[in-house]
């Protein structure tokens, strides 16, 4: 009888110790799980905004804050972009009197330059045989986007056989942007038939447009209109 009582106490003590050990293990497991959940929640929170939306890089966030840039832009979109880019009033007046007179055309095109920058073509005058336009660069690399209207080095021909260098913000001519090379070509016809003019190719660095190649025909002799890319290459003056 004495042995039976002693064994019962021993067994009870063992059970108490076993339960204590199990409880300790359970608490440790729950604590680790809690820490894991907290870490996971912190990671998820770092990938989302306070509104539960995916986080954005500065470029993505800046771009999201800007007006639309798609193909079907409206005059309201043009107005919104002008508040950012602030192209000259003369351009806006020319657009209103020509291509924008229908009231449903924005006259804007956007081209990727890379590095969070985009080239914007802003149509000004419709023109009788070629348009005029202003170009700007919108920089979205920072948290706050910025815009700058560009000034180009251009060549004009005041008389046959002569080219004079000048600078201009509003460019006359047919504009063609190459998405592969990130270069812009401007074919400026000196008169309607297109048998004389300039073909200028520009690249873009951080400072602005750089004239890479200039081809010209200043004679206006009725020849060469079909292939301006075969006009004589001119070495631009520094």
C-alpha atoms as a PDB file:
ATOM      1  CA  UNK A   1       0.000   0.000   0.000  1.00  0.00           C
ATOM      2  CA  UNK A   2       2.856   2.360   0.822  1.00  0.00           C
ATOM      3  CA  UNK A   3       4.620   1.525  -2.465  1.00  0.00           C
ATOM      4  CA  UNK A   4       1.417   2.152  -4.434  1.00  0.00           C
ATOM      5  CA  UNK A   5       1.021   5.623  -2.889  1.00  0.00           C
ATOM      6  CA  UNK A   6       4.690   6.482  -3.605  1.00  0.00           C
ATOM      7  CA  UNK A   7       4.380   5.374  -7.234  1.00  0.00           C
ATOM      8  CA  UNK A   8       1.247   7.502  -7.644  1.00  0.00           C
ATOM      9  CA  UNK A   9       3.006  10.628  -6.380  1.00  0.00           C
ATOM     10  CA  UNK A  10       5.968   9.959  -8.622  1.00  0.00           C
ATOM     11  CA  UNK A  11       3.741   9.467 -11.606  1.00  0.00           C
ATOM     12  CA  UNK A  12       1.854  12.643 -10.810  1.00  0.00           C
ATOM     13  CA  UNK A  13       5.072  14.586 -10.512  1.00  0.00           C
ATOM     14  CA  UNK A  14       6.280  13.207 -13.835  1.00  0.00           C
ATOM     15  CA  UNK A  15       3.039  14.196 -15.469  1.00  0.00           C
ATOM     16  CA  UNK A  16       3.346  17.725 -14.076  1.00  0.00           C
ATOM     17  CA  UNK A  17       6.887  18.038 -15.374  1.00  0.00           C
ATOM     18  CA  UNK A  18       5.841  16.666 -18.776  1.00  0.00           C
ATOM     19  CA  UNK A  19       2.936  19.103 -19.045  1.00  0.00           C
ATOM     20  CA  UNK A  20       5.186  21.984 -18.068  1.00  0.00           C
ATOM     21  CA  UNK A  21       7.669  21.015 -20.764  1.00  0.00           C
ATOM     22  CA  UNK A  22       4.932  20.701 -23.374  1.00  0.00           C
ATOM     23  CA  UNK A  23       3.497  24.089 -22.369  1.00  0.00           C
ATOM     24  CA  UNK A  24       6.952  25.672 -22.690  1.00  0.00           C
ATOM     25  CA  UNK A  25       7.425  24.219 -26.172  1.00  0.00           C
ATOM     26  CA  UNK A  26       3.965  25.374 -27.236  1.00  0.00           C
ATOM     27  CA  UNK A  27       4.614  28.929 -26.028  1.00  0.00           C
ATOM     28  CA  UNK A  28       7.939  29.075 -27.837  1.00  0.00           C
ATOM     29  CA  UNK A  29       6.336  27.820 -31.059  1.00  0.00           C
ATOM     30  CA  UNK A  30       3.526  30.357 -30.803  1.00  0.00           C
ATOM     31  CA  UNK A  31       6.003  33.169 -30.109  1.00  0.00           C
ATOM     32  CA  UNK A  32       8.121  32.238 -33.159  1.00  0.00           C
ATOM     33  CA  UNK A  33       5.009  32.015 -35.296  1.00  0.00           C
ATOM     34  CA  UNK A  34       3.975  35.451 -34.089  1.00  0.00           C
ATOM     35  CA  UNK A  35       7.373  36.853 -34.961  1.00  0.00           C
ATOM     36  CA  UNK A  36       7.158  35.225 -38.416  1.00  0.00           C
ATOM     37  CA  UNK A  37       3.728  36.716 -39.009  1.00  0.00           C
ATOM     38  CA  UNK A  38       4.938  40.117 -37.868  1.00  0.00           C
ATOM     39  CA  UNK A  39       7.940  39.935 -40.184  1.00  0.00           C
ATOM     40  CA  UNK A  40       5.743  38.823 -43.059  1.00  0.00           C
ATOM     41  CA  UNK A  41       3.276  41.623 -42.371  1.00  0.00           C
ATOM     42  CA  UNK A  42       6.129  44.142 -42.297  1.00  0.00           C
ATOM     43  CA  UNK A  43       7.418  42.837 -45.626  1.00  0.00           C
ATOM     44  CA  UNK A  44       3.979  43.068 -47.172  1.00  0.00           C
ATOM     45  CA  UNK A  45       3.518  46.555 -45.758  1.00  0.00           C
ATOM     46  CA  UNK A  46       6.810  47.655 -47.272  1.00  0.00           C
ATOM     47  CA  UNK A  47       5.561  46.502 -50.680  1.00  0.00           C
ATOM     48  CA  UNK A  48       2.257  48.341 -50.414  1.00  0.00           C
ATOM     49  CA  UNK A  49       1.146  51.865 -49.738  1.00  0.00           C
ATOM     50  CA  UNK A  50      -1.089  52.851 -46.840  1.00  0.00           C
ATOM     51  CA  UNK A  51      -4.043  52.430 -49.177  1.00  0.00           C
ATOM     52  CA  UNK A  52      -3.171  48.825 -49.901  1.00  0.00           C
ATOM     53  CA  UNK A  53      -1.857  49.540 -53.413  1.00  0.00           C
ATOM     54  CA  UNK A  54       1.511  48.219 -54.723  1.00  0.00           C
ATOM     55  CA  UNK A  55       4.478  50.432 -53.925  1.00  0.00           C
ATOM     56  CA  UNK A  56       5.978  52.433 -56.794  1.00  0.00           C
ATOM     57  CA  UNK A  57       9.460  53.438 -57.825  1.00  0.00           C
ATOM     58  CA  UNK A  58       9.990  57.213 -58.137  1.00  0.00           C
ATOM     59  CA  UNK A  59       9.623  56.999 -61.929  1.00  0.00           C
ATOM     60  CA  UNK A  60       6.416  54.977 -61.711  1.00  0.00           C
ATOM     61  CA  UNK A  61       4.974  57.238 -59.040  1.00  0.00           C
ATOM     62  CA  UNK A  62       5.898  60.370 -60.982  1.00  0.00           C
ATOM     63  CA  UNK A  63       4.398  58.980 -64.164  1.00  0.00           C
ATOM     64  CA  UNK A  64       1.177  58.070 -62.398  1.00  0.00           C
ATOM     65  CA  UNK A  65       0.781  61.673 -61.262  1.00  0.00           C
ATOM     66  CA  UNK A  66       0.956  63.061 -64.813  1.00  0.00           C
ATOM     67  CA  UNK A  67      -1.842  63.538 -67.378  1.00  0.00           C
ATOM     68  CA  UNK A  68      -2.490  60.779 -69.961  1.00  0.00           C
ATOM     69  CA  UNK A  69      -0.002  60.103 -72.776  1.00  0.00           C
ATOM     70  CA  UNK A  70      -1.896  57.638 -74.965  1.00  0.00           C
ATOM     71  CA  UNK A  71      -3.082  57.837 -78.554  1.00  0.00           C
ATOM     72  CA  UNK A  72      -6.564  59.194 -77.892  1.00  0.00           C
ATOM     73  CA  UNK A  73      -5.778  62.422 -76.116  1.00  0.00           C
ATOM     74  CA  UNK A  74      -8.236  65.276 -75.843  1.00  0.00           C
ATOM     75  CA  UNK A  75      -7.971  69.086 -75.783  1.00  0.00           C
ATOM     76  CA  UNK A  76      -8.404  68.801 -72.006  1.00  0.00           C
ATOM     77  CA  UNK A  77      -5.275  66.619 -71.894  1.00  0.00           C
ATOM     78  CA  UNK A  78      -3.392  69.221 -73.938  1.00  0.00           C
ATOM     79  CA  UNK A  79      -4.460  71.901 -71.481  1.00  0.00           C
ATOM     80  CA  UNK A  80      -3.275  69.784 -68.539  1.00  0.00           C
ATOM     81  CA  UNK A  81       0.091  69.155 -70.192  1.00  0.00           C
ATOM     82  CA  UNK A  82       0.557  72.829 -71.019  1.00  0.00           C
ATOM     83  CA  UNK A  83       0.309  73.653 -67.325  1.00  0.00           C
ATOM     84  CA  UNK A  84       3.313  71.350 -66.825  1.00  0.00           C
ATOM     85  CA  UNK A  85       5.420  72.017 -69.948  1.00  0.00           C
ATOM     86  CA  UNK A  86       4.436  75.671 -70.532  1.00  0.00           C
ATOM     87  CA  UNK A  87       5.223  75.868 -74.242  1.00  0.00           C
ATOM     88  CA  UNK A  88       5.063  79.342 -75.836  1.00  0.00           C
ATOM     89  CA  UNK A  89       1.773  81.167 -76.311  1.00  0.00           C
ATOM     90  CA  UNK A  90       2.578  81.666 -80.015  1.00  0.00           C
ATOM     91  CA  UNK A  91       2.521  77.891 -80.498  1.00  0.00           C
ATOM     92  CA  UNK A  92      -0.818  77.576 -78.740  1.00  0.00           C
ATOM     93  CA  UNK A  93      -2.349  80.359 -80.800  1.00  0.00           C
ATOM     94  CA  UNK A  94      -1.123  78.779 -84.054  1.00  0.00           C
ATOM     95  CA  UNK A  95      -2.542  75.412 -83.023  1.00  0.00           C
ATOM     96  CA  UNK A  96      -5.948  76.918 -82.165  1.00  0.00           C
ATOM     97  CA  UNK A  97      -6.089  78.596 -85.583  1.00  0.00           C
ATOM     98  CA  UNK A  98      -5.107  75.494 -87.602  1.00  0.00           C
ATOM     99  CA  UNK A  99      -4.979  71.856 -86.502  1.00  0.00           C
ATOM    100  CA  UNK A 100      -6.797  72.459 -83.225  1.00  0.00           C
ATOM    101  CA  UNK A 101      -9.709  74.368 -84.725  1.00  0.00           C
ATOM    102  CA  UNK A 102     -11.854  71.217 -84.872  1.00  0.00           C
ATOM    103  CA  UNK A 103     -11.887  71.150 -81.077  1.00  0.00           C
ATOM    104  CA  UNK A 104     -11.270  67.405 -80.652  1.00  0.00           C
ATOM    105  CA  UNK A 105      -7.540  67.028 -81.393  1.00  0.00           C
ATOM    106  CA  UNK A 106      -4.774  67.274 -78.778  1.00  0.00           C
ATOM    107  CA  UNK A 107      -1.754  67.520 -81.074  1.00  0.00           C
ATOM    108  CA  UNK A 108       0.593  65.725 -78.653  1.00  0.00           C
ATOM    109  CA  UNK A 109       2.922  62.750 -79.116  1.00  0.00           C
ATOM    110  CA  UNK A 110       5.205  61.078 -76.568  1.00  0.00           C
ATOM    111  CA  UNK A 111       8.422  59.125 -77.216  1.00  0.00           C
ATOM    112  CA  UNK A 112      10.534  57.166 -74.734  1.00  0.00           C
ATOM    113  CA  UNK A 113      14.134  58.358 -74.373  1.00  0.00           C
ATOM    114  CA  UNK A 114      15.044  56.010 -71.498  1.00  0.00           C
ATOM    115  CA  UNK A 115      16.215  56.757 -67.983  1.00  0.00           C
ATOM    116  CA  UNK A 116      12.794  58.033 -66.969  1.00  0.00           C
ATOM    117  CA  UNK A 117      12.759  60.681 -69.720  1.00  0.00           C
ATOM    118  CA  UNK A 118      10.235  61.198 -72.487  1.00  0.00           C
ATOM    119  CA  UNK A 119      10.330  63.434 -75.532  1.00  0.00           C
ATOM    120  CA  UNK A 120       7.081  65.294 -76.170  1.00  0.00           C
ATOM    121  CA  UNK A 121       6.099  66.698 -79.571  1.00  0.00           C
ATOM    122  CA  UNK A 122       3.661  69.585 -79.286  1.00  0.00           C
ATOM    123  CA  UNK A 123       2.030  70.499 -82.588  1.00  0.00           C
ATOM    124  CA  UNK A 124       1.787  74.238 -83.272  1.00  0.00           C
ATOM    125  CA  UNK A 125       0.748  75.309 -86.799  1.00  0.00           C
ATOM    126  CA  UNK A 126      -0.775  72.833 -89.212  1.00  0.00           C
ATOM    127  CA  UNK A 127       1.028  74.506 -92.102  1.00  0.00           C
ATOM    128  CA  UNK A 128       0.273  74.484 -95.829  1.00  0.00           C
ATOM    129  CA  UNK A 129       2.722  71.676 -96.690  1.00  0.00           C
ATOM    130  CA  UNK A 130       4.477  70.974 -93.384  1.00  0.00           C
ATOM    131  CA  UNK A 131       3.704  71.609 -89.710  1.00  0.00           C
ATOM    132  CA  UNK A 132       5.596  73.378 -86.983  1.00  0.00           C
ATOM    133  CA  UNK A 133       6.106  71.933 -83.526  1.00  0.00           C
ATOM    134  CA  UNK A 134       7.738  72.476 -80.176  1.00  0.00           C
ATOM    135  CA  UNK A 135       9.575  69.688 -78.359  1.00  0.00           C
ATOM    136  CA  UNK A 136      10.062  69.194 -74.634  1.00  0.00           C
ATOM    137  CA  UNK A 137      11.603  66.587 -72.349  1.00  0.00           C
ATOM    138  CA  UNK A 138       9.631  65.362 -69.364  1.00  0.00           C
ATOM    139  CA  UNK A 139      11.883  63.850 -66.692  1.00  0.00           C
ATOM    140  CA  UNK A 140      10.136  61.332 -64.454  1.00  0.00           C
ATOM    141  CA  UNK A 141      13.226  59.891 -62.764  1.00  0.00           C
ATOM    142  CA  UNK A 142      12.692  61.778 -59.519  1.00  0.00           C
ATOM    143  CA  UNK A 143       9.800  61.750 -57.099  1.00  0.00           C
ATOM    144  CA  UNK A 144       8.554  64.984 -58.689  1.00  0.00           C
ATOM    145  CA  UNK A 145       8.409  65.160 -62.513  1.00  0.00           C
ATOM    146  CA  UNK A 146       9.953  68.106 -64.328  1.00  0.00           C
ATOM    147  CA  UNK A 147       9.652  69.422 -67.897  1.00  0.00           C
ATOM    148  CA  UNK A 148      11.809  71.570 -70.166  1.00  0.00           C
ATOM    149  CA  UNK A 149      11.050  73.089 -73.578  1.00  0.00           C
ATOM    150  CA  UNK A 150      13.991  72.388 -75.909  1.00  0.00           C
ATOM    151  CA  UNK A 151      15.965  74.777 -78.092  1.00  0.00           C
ATOM    152  CA  UNK A 152      17.501  73.276 -81.253  1.00  0.00           C
ATOM    153  CA  UNK A 153      20.438  74.325 -83.370  1.00  0.00           C
ATOM    154  CA  UNK A 154      19.018  74.670 -86.891  1.00  0.00           C
ATOM    155  CA  UNK A 155      20.228  75.770 -90.322  1.00  0.00           C
ATOM    156  CA  UNK A 156      18.329  78.058 -92.650  1.00  0.00           C
ATOM    157  CA  UNK A 157      19.017  79.180 -96.206  1.00  0.00           C
ATOM    158  CA  UNK A 158      18.510  82.914 -96.744  1.00  0.00           C
ATOM    159  CA  UNK A 159      19.689  82.486-100.347  1.00  0.00           C
ATOM    160  CA  UNK A 160      20.581  79.676-102.734  1.00  0.00           C
ATOM    161  CA  UNK A 161      23.804  77.882-101.911  1.00  0.00           C
ATOM    162  CA  UNK A 162      24.111  79.260 -98.393  1.00  0.00           C
ATOM    163  CA  UNK A 163      23.272  77.941 -94.925  1.00  0.00           C
ATOM    164  CA  UNK A 164      23.203  80.004 -91.764  1.00  0.00           C
ATOM    165  CA  UNK A 165      23.157  78.545 -88.282  1.00  0.00           C
ATOM    166  CA  UNK A 166      20.587  79.767 -85.810  1.00  0.00           C
ATOM    167  CA  UNK A 167      18.560  78.406 -82.903  1.00  0.00           C
ATOM    168  CA  UNK A 168      14.846  77.824 -82.582  1.00  0.00           C
ATOM    169  CA  UNK A 169      12.253  76.483 -80.197  1.00  0.00           C
ATOM    170  CA  UNK A 170       9.531  76.033 -82.820  1.00  0.00           C
ATOM    171  CA  UNK A 171      10.692  73.795 -85.659  1.00  0.00           C
ATOM    172  CA  UNK A 172       9.135  73.617 -89.120  1.00  0.00           C
ATOM    173  CA  UNK A 173       9.212  70.281 -90.896  1.00  0.00           C
ATOM    174  CA  UNK A 174       8.134  66.656 -90.838  1.00  0.00           C
ATOM    175  CA  UNK A 175       9.271  65.000 -87.618  1.00  0.00           C
ATOM    176  CA  UNK A 176      10.168  61.315 -87.346  1.00  0.00           C
ATOM    177  CA  UNK A 177      11.394  59.716 -84.099  1.00  0.00           C
ATOM    178  CA  UNK A 178      13.364  56.454 -84.255  1.00  0.00           C
ATOM    179  CA  UNK A 179      12.464  54.400 -81.164  1.00  0.00           C
ATOM    180  CA  UNK A 180      15.520  52.160 -81.629  1.00  0.00           C
ATOM    181  CA  UNK A 181      18.213  54.837 -81.874  1.00  0.00           C
ATOM    182  CA  UNK A 182      16.309  57.427 -79.764  1.00  0.00           C
ATOM    183  CA  UNK A 183      17.015  60.017 -82.448  1.00  0.00           C
ATOM    184  CA  UNK A 184      14.755  62.590 -84.074  1.00  0.00           C
ATOM    185  CA  UNK A 185      14.794  63.567 -87.746  1.00  0.00           C
ATOM    186  CA  UNK A 186      13.332  66.845 -88.962  1.00  0.00           C
ATOM    187  CA  UNK A 187      12.797  67.238 -92.712  1.00  0.00           C
ATOM    188  CA  UNK A 188      12.326  70.952 -93.321  1.00  0.00           C
ATOM    189  CA  UNK A 189      11.195  71.735 -96.861  1.00  0.00           C
ATOM    190  CA  UNK A 190      12.049  75.266 -97.955  1.00  0.00           C
ATOM    191  CA  UNK A 191       9.101  75.267-100.367  1.00  0.00           C
ATOM    192  CA  UNK A 192       6.101  73.133-101.266  1.00  0.00           C
ATOM    193  CA  UNK A 193       7.659  70.844-103.917  1.00  0.00           C
ATOM    194  CA  UNK A 194      10.276  69.715-101.387  1.00  0.00           C
ATOM    195  CA  UNK A 195      13.163  69.952-103.831  1.00  0.00           C
ATOM    196  CA  UNK A 196      15.232  71.953-101.348  1.00  0.00           C
ATOM    197  CA  UNK A 197      15.576  72.033 -97.606  1.00  0.00           C
ATOM    198  CA  UNK A 198      17.379  70.360 -94.731  1.00  0.00           C
ATOM    199  CA  UNK A 199      17.257  66.944 -93.098  1.00  0.00           C
ATOM    200  CA  UNK A 200      18.522  67.208 -89.530  1.00  0.00           C
ATOM    201  CA  UNK A 201      19.139  64.305 -87.139  1.00  0.00           C
ATOM    202  CA  UNK A 202      19.250  64.963 -83.397  1.00  0.00           C
ATOM    203  CA  UNK A 203      20.232  62.831 -80.429  1.00  0.00           C
ATOM    204  CA  UNK A 204      19.414  63.774 -76.842  1.00  0.00           C
ATOM    205  CA  UNK A 205      21.718  64.000 -73.863  1.00  0.00           C
ATOM    206  CA  UNK A 206      21.109  65.456 -70.409  1.00  0.00           C
ATOM    207  CA  UNK A 207      21.727  68.973 -71.711  1.00  0.00           C
ATOM    208  CA  UNK A 208      19.282  68.716 -74.598  1.00  0.00           C
ATOM    209  CA  UNK A 209      19.297  68.024 -78.366  1.00  0.00           C
ATOM    210  CA  UNK A 210      22.582  67.414 -80.189  1.00  0.00           C
ATOM    211  CA  UNK A 211      22.768  67.766 -83.978  1.00  0.00           C
ATOM    212  CA  UNK A 212      24.345  64.516 -85.179  1.00  0.00           C
ATOM    213  CA  UNK A 213      23.899  64.887 -88.930  1.00  0.00           C
ATOM    214  CA  UNK A 214      22.777  67.566 -91.376  1.00  0.00           C
ATOM    215  CA  UNK A 215      21.902  67.017 -95.008  1.00  0.00           C
ATOM    216  CA  UNK A 216      20.857  69.909 -97.217  1.00  0.00           C
ATOM    217  CA  UNK A 217      19.898  70.985-100.723  1.00  0.00           C
ATOM    218  CA  UNK A 218      19.718  74.754-101.108  1.00  0.00           C
ATOM    219  CA  UNK A 219      19.339  75.070-104.880  1.00  0.00           C
ATOM    220  CA  UNK A 220      15.551  74.622-105.228  1.00  0.00           C
ATOM    221  CA  UNK A 221      16.095  73.377-108.783  1.00  0.00           C
ATOM    222  CA  UNK A 222      13.228  70.888-108.962  1.00  0.00           C
ATOM    223  CA  UNK A 223      15.460  67.870-108.244  1.00  0.00           C
ATOM    224  CA  UNK A 224      15.971  65.560-105.268  1.00  0.00           C
ATOM    225  CA  UNK A 225      12.604  65.996-103.588  1.00  0.00           C
ATOM    226  CA  UNK A 226      11.965  62.233-103.376  1.00  0.00           C
ATOM    227  CA  UNK A 227      15.143  61.318-101.457  1.00  0.00           C
ATOM    228  CA  UNK A 228      16.232  63.943 -98.927  1.00  0.00           C
ATOM    229  CA  UNK A 229      18.316  61.240 -97.220  1.00  0.00           C
ATOM    230  CA  UNK A 230      20.581  61.439-100.305  1.00  0.00           C
ATOM    231  CA  UNK A 231      21.136  65.165-100.075  1.00  0.00           C
ATOM    232  CA  UNK A 232      24.665  66.367 -99.501  1.00  0.00           C
ATOM    233  CA  UNK A 233      25.926  65.827 -95.979  1.00  0.00           C
ATOM    234  CA  UNK A 234      26.951  69.107 -94.354  1.00  0.00           C
ATOM    235  CA  UNK A 235      29.434  69.293 -91.508  1.00  0.00           C
ATOM    236  CA  UNK A 236      27.654  71.371 -88.833  1.00  0.00           C
ATOM    237  CA  UNK A 237      29.570  74.414 -87.643  1.00  0.00           C
ATOM    238  CA  UNK A 238      30.502  74.362 -83.967  1.00  0.00           C
END
